[in-house]
Structures are given as structure tokens and as C-alpha cells.
Amino acid sequence: MADNQQRGAQIIADFERSRRQVMAEMQQEADHSLLKVRVKNEITQIRETLLTLELQLVAQLEEIIKDIERNIMDLVGGFVEYCRDLENYHHEKVLNIAVSTLEKVVKNELKEDLPDDVLLLFVDKDTVINAIHDDEVQRNRKRVSEIQKYVDYACNQLEETDYQ
């Protein structure tokens, strides 16, 4: 981008020097038509060169934006995968704790008193696992929704920068 801007500035500076020189020559010559044609040709060439540079700059910016979008999507994908791994780890730990607690309840080895509604959950292993699963599914759906909202937000922010 900087190279593109430097090239454009150099082209304009060269044209200004040439234009000043032609203007000085025009004051000395009686026939200005050849000089006018030369200046018009230079102006046309400069316009084409500057427009080409501008189109190159736009293409470079579009490519940079696409790279940023890809990088953001990769980061979000990695983050979601990491969250999924953490969720699985959490679910596994909660399940282990629940099964261990169930075994203690069955053997009457529980050191602390649990409320009656909690004890009802520990009727059997299936009840415990189903309760954990239901809670996990509900928590997971909420988390997936939050992640999707964040991804949508990040994409919207990126799209808004395209229009600015």
C-alpha cells in the first residue's frame, strides 16, 4: 500500500515538474498547440496510471480484508473447538462427581446432609445421568447460542469496516 502511494506521489511530482517546464516554454513560444497536445497526452497518461494504481490498491485491500476474515474465522473456529473440549471435560468431571456421590448415597457414606430434593435425584444411576445430561444439553445450547451471537457480531463488525 505504501509503495502504491509513493508511486502515485512520484508520478504527480514528475508531472508537476513537466507541467511547470511546459508552462515556461509556452510563454516563450508563439505556437502553443504542440505544447498543449503534449500536456494533454501527459495528463491522460497520468490519469490512466493513477487509476491503475488505485485499482491495484483496491485489489490489495480486498485481499487483505479476505485474509483478515479467514484469520478471524480460524480464530473463532479454534476458540469454539477449545470451548467444546472444555465443555466435554467439564461434563466428564460432573458425571464422575455425580456417580461418586451416588455410590456414597447408596452406601450411606455421605458425610454431609443433602436436601431431600437433591437426594431424590440419586434414586439410581440413570436418574443422575439423565439429570446431568439434561442440564448439560441446556447449558450447551445456551453456550452455542452465545458463541453464534459473538461470531455474528464479529462478522458484522468486519463488514462495517468494508463500508467505511
N, C-alpha and C. Protein backbone atom coordinates (compact mmCIF):
# COMPACT_ATOMS: atom_id res chain seq x y z
N MET A 1 0.82 -1.18 0.00
CA MET A 1 0.00 0.00 0.00
C MET A 1 0.87 1.25 0.00
N ALA A 2 1.88 1.28 0.87
CA ALA A 2 2.75 2.44 0.96
C ALA A 2 3.50 2.63 -0.36
N ASP A 3 3.94 1.53 -0.96
CA ASP A 3 4.64 1.59 -2.24
C ASP A 3 3.73 2.20 -3.31
N ASN A 4 2.47 1.79 -3.29
CA ASN A 4 1.48 2.29 -4.23
C ASN A 4 1.33 3.81 -4.06
N GLN A 5 1.23 4.26 -2.82
CA GLN A 5 1.06 5.69 -2.55
C GLN A 5 2.32 6.47 -2.95
N GLN A 6 3.48 5.90 -2.70
CA GLN A 6 4.73 6.56 -3.08
C GLN A 6 4.84 6.69 -4.59
N ARG A 7 4.45 5.63 -5.30
CA ARG A 7 4.49 5.68 -6.76
C ARG A 7 3.55 6.76 -7.28
N GLY A 8 2.35 6.84 -6.71
CA GLY A 8 1.39 7.87 -7.13
C GLY A 8 1.91 9.27 -6.86
N ALA A 9 2.50 9.47 -5.69
CA ALA A 9 3.05 10.79 -5.34
C ALA A 9 4.21 11.15 -6.28
N GLN A 10 5.05 10.16 -6.62
CA GLN A 10 6.17 10.42 -7.52
C GLN A 10 5.68 10.78 -8.92
N ILE A 11 4.65 10.10 -9.39
CA ILE A 11 4.09 10.39 -10.71
C ILE A 11 3.55 11.81 -10.75
N ILE A 12 2.85 12.20 -9.71
CA ILE A 12 2.30 13.57 -9.66
C ILE A 12 3.42 14.59 -9.59
N ALA A 13 4.46 14.32 -8.78
CA ALA A 13 5.58 15.26 -8.67
C ALA A 13 6.29 15.41 -10.02
N ASP A 14 6.50 14.29 -10.71
CA ASP A 14 7.13 14.36 -12.04
C ASP A 14 6.27 15.16 -13.01
N PHE A 15 4.97 14.94 -12.96
CA PHE A 15 4.06 15.68 -13.84
C PHE A 15 4.11 17.18 -13.52
N GLU A 16 4.13 17.53 -12.26
CA GLU A 16 4.18 18.95 -11.89
C GLU A 16 5.45 19.61 -12.42
N ARG A 17 6.58 18.91 -12.32
CA ARG A 17 7.83 19.47 -12.87
C ARG A 17 7.69 19.66 -14.38
N SER A 18 7.17 18.65 -15.06
CA SER A 18 6.99 18.72 -16.51
C SER A 18 6.01 19.83 -16.87
N ARG A 19 4.94 19.97 -16.10
CA ARG A 19 3.94 20.99 -16.38
C ARG A 19 4.54 22.39 -16.23
N ARG A 20 5.32 22.59 -15.18
CA ARG A 20 5.96 23.90 -14.99
C ARG A 20 6.91 24.22 -16.15
N GLN A 21 7.63 23.20 -16.57
CA GLN A 21 8.57 23.38 -17.69
C GLN A 21 7.80 23.75 -18.96
N VAL A 22 6.71 23.05 -19.22
CA VAL A 22 5.90 23.33 -20.42
C VAL A 22 5.31 24.73 -20.33
N MET A 23 4.85 25.11 -19.15
CA MET A 23 4.27 26.46 -18.99
C MET A 23 5.33 27.53 -19.29
N ALA A 24 6.56 27.27 -18.84
CA ALA A 24 7.64 28.22 -19.13
C ALA A 24 7.91 28.26 -20.63
N GLU A 25 7.90 27.10 -21.28
CA GLU A 25 8.11 27.04 -22.73
C GLU A 25 6.99 27.74 -23.48
N MET A 26 5.76 27.61 -22.97
CA MET A 26 4.61 28.23 -23.63
C MET A 26 4.74 29.75 -23.63
N GLN A 27 5.31 30.28 -22.59
CA GLN A 27 5.46 31.73 -22.52
C GLN A 27 6.50 32.21 -23.54
N GLN A 28 7.42 31.33 -23.90
CA GLN A 28 8.48 31.73 -24.83
C GLN A 28 8.11 31.46 -26.29
N GLU A 29 7.21 30.51 -26.55
CA GLU A 29 6.85 30.17 -27.92
C GLU A 29 5.54 30.82 -28.33
N ALA A 30 5.44 31.07 -29.61
CA ALA A 30 4.22 31.66 -30.13
C ALA A 30 3.18 30.58 -30.42
N ASP A 31 3.61 29.42 -30.89
CA ASP A 31 2.68 28.34 -31.21
C ASP A 31 2.55 27.40 -30.01
N HIS A 32 1.42 27.50 -29.35
CA HIS A 32 1.19 26.71 -28.13
C HIS A 32 0.52 25.36 -28.42
N SER A 33 0.09 25.14 -29.63
CA SER A 33 -0.70 23.94 -29.92
C SER A 33 0.07 22.64 -29.67
N LEU A 34 1.34 22.57 -30.06
CA LEU A 34 2.13 21.36 -29.82
C LEU A 34 2.33 21.12 -28.33
N LEU A 35 2.58 22.17 -27.61
CA LEU A 35 2.78 22.04 -26.16
C LEU A 35 1.48 21.60 -25.48
N LYS A 36 0.36 22.16 -25.95
CA LYS A 36 -0.93 21.78 -25.37
C LYS A 36 -1.21 20.30 -25.61
N VAL A 37 -0.92 19.81 -26.80
CA VAL A 37 -1.11 18.40 -27.11
C VAL A 37 -0.23 17.54 -26.21
N ARG A 38 1.00 17.96 -26.03
CA ARG A 38 1.93 17.21 -25.17
C ARG A 38 1.42 17.15 -23.73
N VAL A 39 0.94 18.29 -23.23
CA VAL A 39 0.42 18.34 -21.86
C VAL A 39 -0.84 17.48 -21.74
N LYS A 40 -1.74 17.56 -22.72
CA LYS A 40 -2.95 16.73 -22.68
C LYS A 40 -2.59 15.25 -22.68
N ASN A 41 -1.61 14.87 -23.48
CA ASN A 41 -1.17 13.47 -23.50
C ASN A 41 -0.61 13.05 -22.14
N GLU A 42 0.17 13.92 -21.55
CA GLU A 42 0.73 13.62 -20.22
C GLU A 42 -0.38 13.50 -19.18
N ILE A 43 -1.36 14.39 -19.27
CA ILE A 43 -2.48 14.34 -18.32
C ILE A 43 -3.25 13.02 -18.49
N THR A 44 -3.50 12.63 -19.73
CA THR A 44 -4.20 11.37 -19.99
C THR A 44 -3.41 10.19 -19.45
N GLN A 45 -2.11 10.21 -19.69
CA GLN A 45 -1.26 9.12 -19.21
C GLN A 45 -1.24 9.07 -17.67
N ILE A 46 -1.16 10.23 -17.05
CA ILE A 46 -1.16 10.28 -15.58
C ILE A 46 -2.48 9.76 -15.03
N ARG A 47 -3.58 10.18 -15.65
CA ARG A 47 -4.89 9.71 -15.19
C ARG A 47 -4.96 8.19 -15.26
N GLU A 48 -4.53 7.63 -16.38
CA GLU A 48 -4.57 6.17 -16.53
C GLU A 48 -3.66 5.47 -15.52
N THR A 49 -2.48 6.02 -15.32
CA THR A 49 -1.54 5.43 -14.36
C THR A 49 -2.09 5.49 -12.94
N LEU A 50 -2.63 6.66 -12.56
CA LEU A 50 -3.16 6.81 -11.20
C LEU A 50 -4.39 5.93 -10.99
N LEU A 51 -5.25 5.82 -12.00
CA LEU A 51 -6.41 4.94 -11.88
C LEU A 51 -5.98 3.48 -11.77
N THR A 52 -4.96 3.10 -12.51
CA THR A 52 -4.42 1.74 -12.41
C THR A 52 -3.88 1.48 -11.01
N LEU A 53 -3.14 2.45 -10.49
CA LEU A 53 -2.62 2.31 -9.12
C LEU A 53 -3.76 2.20 -8.11
N GLU A 54 -4.79 2.98 -8.32
CA GLU A 54 -5.95 2.94 -7.41
C GLU A 54 -6.63 1.57 -7.47
N LEU A 55 -6.80 1.04 -8.66
CA LEU A 55 -7.41 -0.29 -8.80
C LEU A 55 -6.54 -1.36 -8.15
N GLN A 56 -5.22 -1.23 -8.29
CA GLN A 56 -4.32 -2.18 -7.63
C GLN A 56 -4.46 -2.08 -6.12
N LEU A 57 -4.58 -0.86 -5.61
CA LEU A 57 -4.74 -0.65 -4.18
C LEU A 57 -6.04 -1.27 -3.68
N VAL A 58 -7.11 -1.07 -4.43
CA VAL A 58 -8.40 -1.66 -4.05
C VAL A 58 -8.29 -3.19 -4.02
N ALA A 59 -7.64 -3.76 -5.01
CA ALA A 59 -7.47 -5.22 -5.05
C ALA A 59 -6.65 -5.70 -3.86
N GLN A 60 -5.59 -4.96 -3.52
CA GLN A 60 -4.76 -5.32 -2.36
C GLN A 60 -5.58 -5.25 -1.08
N LEU A 61 -6.37 -4.19 -0.94
CA LEU A 61 -7.19 -4.04 0.27
C LEU A 61 -8.22 -5.16 0.37
N GLU A 62 -8.83 -5.51 -0.75
CA GLU A 62 -9.81 -6.60 -0.74
C GLU A 62 -9.15 -7.91 -0.31
N GLU A 63 -7.95 -8.14 -0.79
CA GLU A 63 -7.22 -9.37 -0.42
C GLU A 63 -6.87 -9.35 1.07
N ILE A 64 -6.47 -8.20 1.57
CA ILE A 64 -6.15 -8.07 3.00
C ILE A 64 -7.40 -8.33 3.83
N ILE A 65 -8.52 -7.78 3.42
CA ILE A 65 -9.78 -7.98 4.15
C ILE A 65 -10.16 -9.45 4.14
N LYS A 66 -9.99 -10.11 3.00
CA LYS A 66 -10.29 -11.55 2.93
C LYS A 66 -9.38 -12.34 3.87
N ASP A 67 -8.10 -11.95 3.92
CA ASP A 67 -7.17 -12.62 4.84
C ASP A 67 -7.60 -12.42 6.29
N ILE A 68 -8.02 -11.21 6.61
CA ILE A 68 -8.48 -10.92 7.97
C ILE A 68 -9.72 -11.75 8.29
N GLU A 69 -10.65 -11.81 7.35
CA GLU A 69 -11.86 -12.61 7.56
C GLU A 69 -11.51 -14.08 7.80
N ARG A 70 -10.58 -14.61 6.98
CA ARG A 70 -10.15 -16.01 7.16
C ARG A 70 -9.50 -16.20 8.52
N ASN A 71 -8.65 -15.26 8.90
CA ASN A 71 -7.98 -15.36 10.20
C ASN A 71 -8.97 -15.32 11.35
N ILE A 72 -9.95 -14.43 11.25
CA ILE A 72 -10.97 -14.34 12.30
C ILE A 72 -11.76 -15.64 12.37
N MET A 73 -12.15 -16.16 11.21
CA MET A 73 -12.91 -17.41 11.21
C MET A 73 -12.07 -18.56 11.78
N ASP A 74 -10.77 -18.58 11.47
CA ASP A 74 -9.89 -19.61 12.04
C ASP A 74 -9.80 -19.47 13.55
N LEU A 75 -9.65 -18.22 14.01
CA LEU A 75 -9.58 -17.98 15.45
C LEU A 75 -10.88 -18.39 16.14
N VAL A 76 -11.99 -18.00 15.55
CA VAL A 76 -13.29 -18.34 16.13
C VAL A 76 -13.47 -19.86 16.12
N GLY A 77 -13.11 -20.50 15.02
CA GLY A 77 -13.22 -21.96 14.94
C GLY A 77 -12.36 -22.64 16.00
N GLY A 78 -11.14 -22.16 16.17
CA GLY A 78 -10.27 -22.71 17.21
C GLY A 78 -10.83 -22.48 18.60
N PHE A 79 -11.38 -21.29 18.79
CA PHE A 79 -11.97 -20.96 20.09
C PHE A 79 -13.18 -21.85 20.38
N VAL A 80 -14.02 -22.04 19.38
CA VAL A 80 -15.20 -22.89 19.56
C VAL A 80 -14.77 -24.33 19.86
N GLU A 81 -13.76 -24.81 19.15
CA GLU A 81 -13.27 -26.17 19.40
C GLU A 81 -12.71 -26.29 20.82
N TYR A 82 -11.97 -25.27 21.24
CA TYR A 82 -11.43 -25.25 22.60
C TYR A 82 -12.56 -25.25 23.62
N CYS A 83 -13.59 -24.44 23.38
CA CYS A 83 -14.76 -24.40 24.28
C CYS A 83 -15.44 -25.76 24.33
N ARG A 84 -15.55 -26.40 23.18
CA ARG A 84 -16.18 -27.72 23.12
C ARG A 84 -15.37 -28.72 23.95
N ASP A 85 -14.05 -28.66 23.83
CA ASP A 85 -13.20 -29.55 24.62
C ASP A 85 -13.38 -29.29 26.11
N LEU A 86 -13.44 -28.01 26.48
CA LEU A 86 -13.66 -27.67 27.89
C LEU A 86 -15.02 -28.15 28.37
N GLU A 87 -16.03 -28.00 27.52
CA GLU A 87 -17.36 -28.49 27.88
C GLU A 87 -17.36 -29.99 28.10
N ASN A 88 -16.70 -30.72 27.22
CA ASN A 88 -16.62 -32.17 27.37
C ASN A 88 -15.89 -32.55 28.65
N TYR A 89 -14.80 -31.86 28.92
CA TYR A 89 -14.04 -32.11 30.14
C TYR A 89 -14.91 -31.83 31.37
N HIS A 90 -15.61 -30.70 31.33
CA HIS A 90 -16.50 -30.32 32.44
C HIS A 90 -17.60 -31.37 32.63
N HIS A 91 -18.21 -31.76 31.54
CA HIS A 91 -19.29 -32.75 31.61
C HIS A 91 -18.76 -34.07 32.21
N GLU A 92 -17.59 -34.47 31.78
CA GLU A 92 -16.99 -35.70 32.28
C GLU A 92 -16.74 -35.61 33.79
N LYS A 93 -16.21 -34.47 34.22
CA LYS A 93 -15.92 -34.28 35.65
C LYS A 93 -17.22 -34.27 36.47
N VAL A 94 -18.24 -33.56 36.00
CA VAL A 94 -19.52 -33.51 36.71
C VAL A 94 -20.12 -34.91 36.79
N LEU A 95 -20.04 -35.64 35.70
CA LEU A 95 -20.57 -37.01 35.69
C LEU A 95 -19.82 -37.88 36.70
N ASN A 96 -18.50 -37.77 36.74
CA ASN A 96 -17.72 -38.55 37.70
C ASN A 96 -18.09 -38.19 39.14
N ILE A 97 -18.25 -36.90 39.40
CA ILE A 97 -18.63 -36.46 40.75
C ILE A 97 -20.01 -36.99 41.10
N ALA A 98 -20.94 -36.91 40.15
CA ALA A 98 -22.31 -37.38 40.41
C ALA A 98 -22.34 -38.88 40.67
N VAL A 99 -21.61 -39.64 39.87
CA VAL A 99 -21.58 -41.10 40.06
C VAL A 99 -20.94 -41.44 41.40
N SER A 100 -19.86 -40.73 41.72
CA SER A 100 -19.20 -40.95 43.02
C SER A 100 -20.14 -40.62 44.17
N THR A 101 -20.87 -39.51 44.04
CA THR A 101 -21.83 -39.12 45.07
C THR A 101 -22.95 -40.15 45.17
N LEU A 102 -23.42 -40.64 44.03
CA LEU A 102 -24.46 -41.67 44.03
C LEU A 102 -23.99 -42.91 44.78
N GLU A 103 -22.77 -43.33 44.50
CA GLU A 103 -22.23 -44.50 45.19
C GLU A 103 -22.17 -44.28 46.69
N LYS A 104 -21.80 -43.08 47.10
CA LYS A 104 -21.74 -42.77 48.54
C LYS A 104 -23.14 -42.75 49.15
N VAL A 105 -24.12 -42.22 48.39
CA VAL A 105 -25.50 -42.20 48.89
C VAL A 105 -26.01 -43.63 49.05
N VAL A 106 -25.74 -44.47 48.06
CA VAL A 106 -26.19 -45.86 48.11
C VAL A 106 -25.55 -46.59 49.30
N LYS A 107 -24.28 -46.33 49.55
CA LYS A 107 -23.56 -46.99 50.64
C LYS A 107 -23.77 -46.26 51.97
N ASN A 108 -24.51 -45.15 51.93
CA ASN A 108 -24.76 -44.34 53.12
C ASN A 108 -23.45 -43.81 53.72
N GLU A 109 -22.51 -43.44 52.86
CA GLU A 109 -21.21 -42.94 53.28
C GLU A 109 -21.08 -41.43 53.09
N LEU A 110 -22.16 -40.76 52.77
CA LEU A 110 -22.12 -39.32 52.50
C LEU A 110 -21.89 -38.57 53.80
N LYS A 111 -20.88 -37.71 53.84
CA LYS A 111 -20.51 -37.01 55.06
C LYS A 111 -21.42 -35.82 55.35
N GLU A 112 -21.92 -35.16 54.32
CA GLU A 112 -22.79 -34.01 54.56
C GLU A 112 -24.24 -34.38 54.23
N ASP A 113 -25.14 -33.67 54.90
CA ASP A 113 -26.56 -33.90 54.65
C ASP A 113 -26.98 -33.14 53.41
N LEU A 114 -27.66 -33.83 52.53
CA LEU A 114 -28.16 -33.21 51.31
C LEU A 114 -29.65 -32.95 51.45
N PRO A 115 -30.14 -31.87 50.85
CA PRO A 115 -31.58 -31.61 50.88
C PRO A 115 -32.34 -32.77 50.24
N ASP A 116 -33.60 -32.91 50.65
CA ASP A 116 -34.41 -34.03 50.15
C ASP A 116 -34.56 -34.02 48.63
N ASP A 117 -34.73 -32.81 48.03
CA ASP A 117 -34.90 -32.76 46.58
C ASP A 117 -33.63 -33.21 45.85
N VAL A 118 -32.48 -32.97 46.44
CA VAL A 118 -31.23 -33.44 45.83
C VAL A 118 -31.12 -34.96 45.99
N LEU A 119 -31.51 -35.45 47.15
CA LEU A 119 -31.46 -36.90 47.38
C LEU A 119 -32.37 -37.65 46.42
N LEU A 120 -33.49 -37.03 46.03
CA LEU A 120 -34.39 -37.67 45.08
C LEU A 120 -33.71 -37.92 43.72
N LEU A 121 -32.76 -37.06 43.39
CA LEU A 121 -32.03 -37.24 42.14
C LEU A 121 -31.17 -38.51 42.17
N PHE A 122 -30.78 -38.90 43.35
CA PHE A 122 -29.87 -40.03 43.49
C PHE A 122 -30.60 -41.35 43.71
N VAL A 123 -31.78 -41.48 43.14
CA VAL A 123 -32.55 -42.72 43.26
C VAL A 123 -31.78 -43.86 42.59
N ASP A 124 -31.30 -43.57 41.38
CA ASP A 124 -30.47 -44.56 40.69
C ASP A 124 -29.53 -43.85 39.73
N LYS A 125 -28.63 -44.61 39.18
CA LYS A 125 -27.61 -44.04 38.31
C LYS A 125 -28.21 -43.40 37.07
N ASP A 126 -29.23 -44.02 36.48
CA ASP A 126 -29.86 -43.47 35.28
C ASP A 126 -30.48 -42.10 35.55
N THR A 127 -31.12 -41.95 36.69
CA THR A 127 -31.73 -40.66 37.04
C THR A 127 -30.65 -39.58 37.14
N VAL A 128 -29.53 -39.91 37.78
CA VAL A 128 -28.43 -38.95 37.92
C VAL A 128 -27.88 -38.58 36.55
N ILE A 129 -27.62 -39.58 35.74
CA ILE A 129 -27.03 -39.31 34.42
C ILE A 129 -28.00 -38.52 33.55
N ASN A 130 -29.29 -38.84 33.60
CA ASN A 130 -30.28 -38.09 32.82
C ASN A 130 -30.37 -36.65 33.30
N ALA A 131 -30.33 -36.43 34.61
CA ALA A 131 -30.38 -35.06 35.14
C ALA A 131 -29.16 -34.27 34.69
N ILE A 132 -28.00 -34.89 34.75
CA ILE A 132 -26.78 -34.22 34.30
C ILE A 132 -26.85 -33.96 32.81
N HIS A 133 -27.31 -34.95 32.06
CA HIS A 133 -27.40 -34.80 30.61
C HIS A 133 -28.35 -33.66 30.24
N ASP A 134 -29.53 -33.60 30.88
CA ASP A 134 -30.49 -32.54 30.58
C ASP A 134 -29.90 -31.17 30.89
N ASP A 135 -29.24 -31.07 32.02
CA ASP A 135 -28.60 -29.81 32.40
C ASP A 135 -27.49 -29.46 31.41
N GLU A 136 -26.72 -30.44 31.02
CA GLU A 136 -25.62 -30.23 30.08
C GLU A 136 -26.15 -29.79 28.72
N VAL A 137 -27.21 -30.41 28.25
CA VAL A 137 -27.79 -30.04 26.95
C VAL A 137 -28.30 -28.60 26.99
N GLN A 138 -28.98 -28.25 28.06
CA GLN A 138 -29.50 -26.89 28.19
C GLN A 138 -28.35 -25.88 28.24
N ARG A 139 -27.32 -26.17 29.03
CA ARG A 139 -26.17 -25.28 29.14
C ARG A 139 -25.45 -25.18 27.79
N ASN A 140 -25.31 -26.32 27.12
CA ASN A 140 -24.63 -26.36 25.84
C ASN A 140 -25.37 -25.54 24.79
N ARG A 141 -26.67 -25.67 24.73
CA ARG A 141 -27.45 -24.89 23.75
C ARG A 141 -27.31 -23.40 24.01
N LYS A 142 -27.33 -23.04 25.27
CA LYS A 142 -27.16 -21.63 25.61
C LYS A 142 -25.78 -21.15 25.18
N ARG A 143 -24.77 -21.95 25.43
CA ARG A 143 -23.40 -21.57 25.07
C ARG A 143 -23.22 -21.49 23.56
N VAL A 144 -23.77 -22.44 22.83
CA VAL A 144 -23.69 -22.41 21.37
C VAL A 144 -24.36 -21.15 20.84
N SER A 145 -25.48 -20.78 21.42
CA SER A 145 -26.19 -19.56 21.02
C SER A 145 -25.32 -18.33 21.29
N GLU A 146 -24.66 -18.29 22.44
CA GLU A 146 -23.78 -17.17 22.77
C GLU A 146 -22.61 -17.10 21.79
N ILE A 147 -22.03 -18.24 21.47
CA ILE A 147 -20.91 -18.27 20.54
C ILE A 147 -21.36 -17.79 19.16
N GLN A 148 -22.52 -18.24 18.71
CA GLN A 148 -23.02 -17.83 17.40
C GLN A 148 -23.28 -16.32 17.38
N LYS A 149 -23.83 -15.79 18.47
CA LYS A 149 -24.06 -14.34 18.54
C LYS A 149 -22.73 -13.60 18.44
N TYR A 150 -21.70 -14.12 19.12
CA TYR A 150 -20.40 -13.47 19.06
C TYR A 150 -19.82 -13.53 17.64
N VAL A 151 -19.92 -14.67 17.00
CA VAL A 151 -19.42 -14.82 15.62
C VAL A 151 -20.16 -13.85 14.70
N ASP A 152 -21.48 -13.76 14.83
CA ASP A 152 -22.26 -12.82 14.02
C ASP A 152 -21.82 -11.39 14.28
N TYR A 153 -21.59 -11.05 15.54
CA TYR A 153 -21.14 -9.71 15.91
C TYR A 153 -19.79 -9.41 15.25
N ALA A 154 -18.84 -10.36 15.36
CA ALA A 154 -17.51 -10.15 14.78
C ALA A 154 -17.60 -9.99 13.27
N CYS A 155 -18.41 -10.80 12.62
CA CYS A 155 -18.58 -10.69 11.16
C CYS A 155 -19.23 -9.37 10.77
N ASN A 156 -20.23 -8.93 11.53
CA ASN A 156 -20.88 -7.64 11.26
C ASN A 156 -19.90 -6.50 11.41
N GLN A 157 -19.06 -6.55 12.45
CA GLN A 157 -18.07 -5.50 12.64
C GLN A 157 -17.11 -5.46 11.45
N LEU A 158 -16.72 -6.62 10.98
CA LEU A 158 -15.81 -6.69 9.84
C LEU A 158 -16.48 -6.15 8.59
N GLU A 159 -17.74 -6.49 8.37
CA GLU A 159 -18.46 -5.98 7.20
C GLU A 159 -18.63 -4.47 7.27
N GLU A 160 -18.85 -3.93 8.46
CA GLU A 160 -18.99 -2.48 8.60
C GLU A 160 -17.70 -1.77 8.24
N THR A 161 -16.54 -2.39 8.50
CA THR A 161 -15.28 -1.76 8.12
C THR A 161 -15.13 -1.74 6.60
N ASP A 162 -15.77 -2.68 5.91
CA ASP A 162 -15.73 -2.68 4.45
C ASP A 162 -16.40 -1.44 3.88
N TYR A 163 -17.43 -0.95 4.55
CA TYR A 163 -18.21 0.18 4.03
C TYR A 163 -17.68 1.52 4.48
N GLN A 164 -16.70 1.53 5.32
CA GLN A 164 -16.18 2.82 5.82
C GLN A 164 -15.00 3.27 5.02
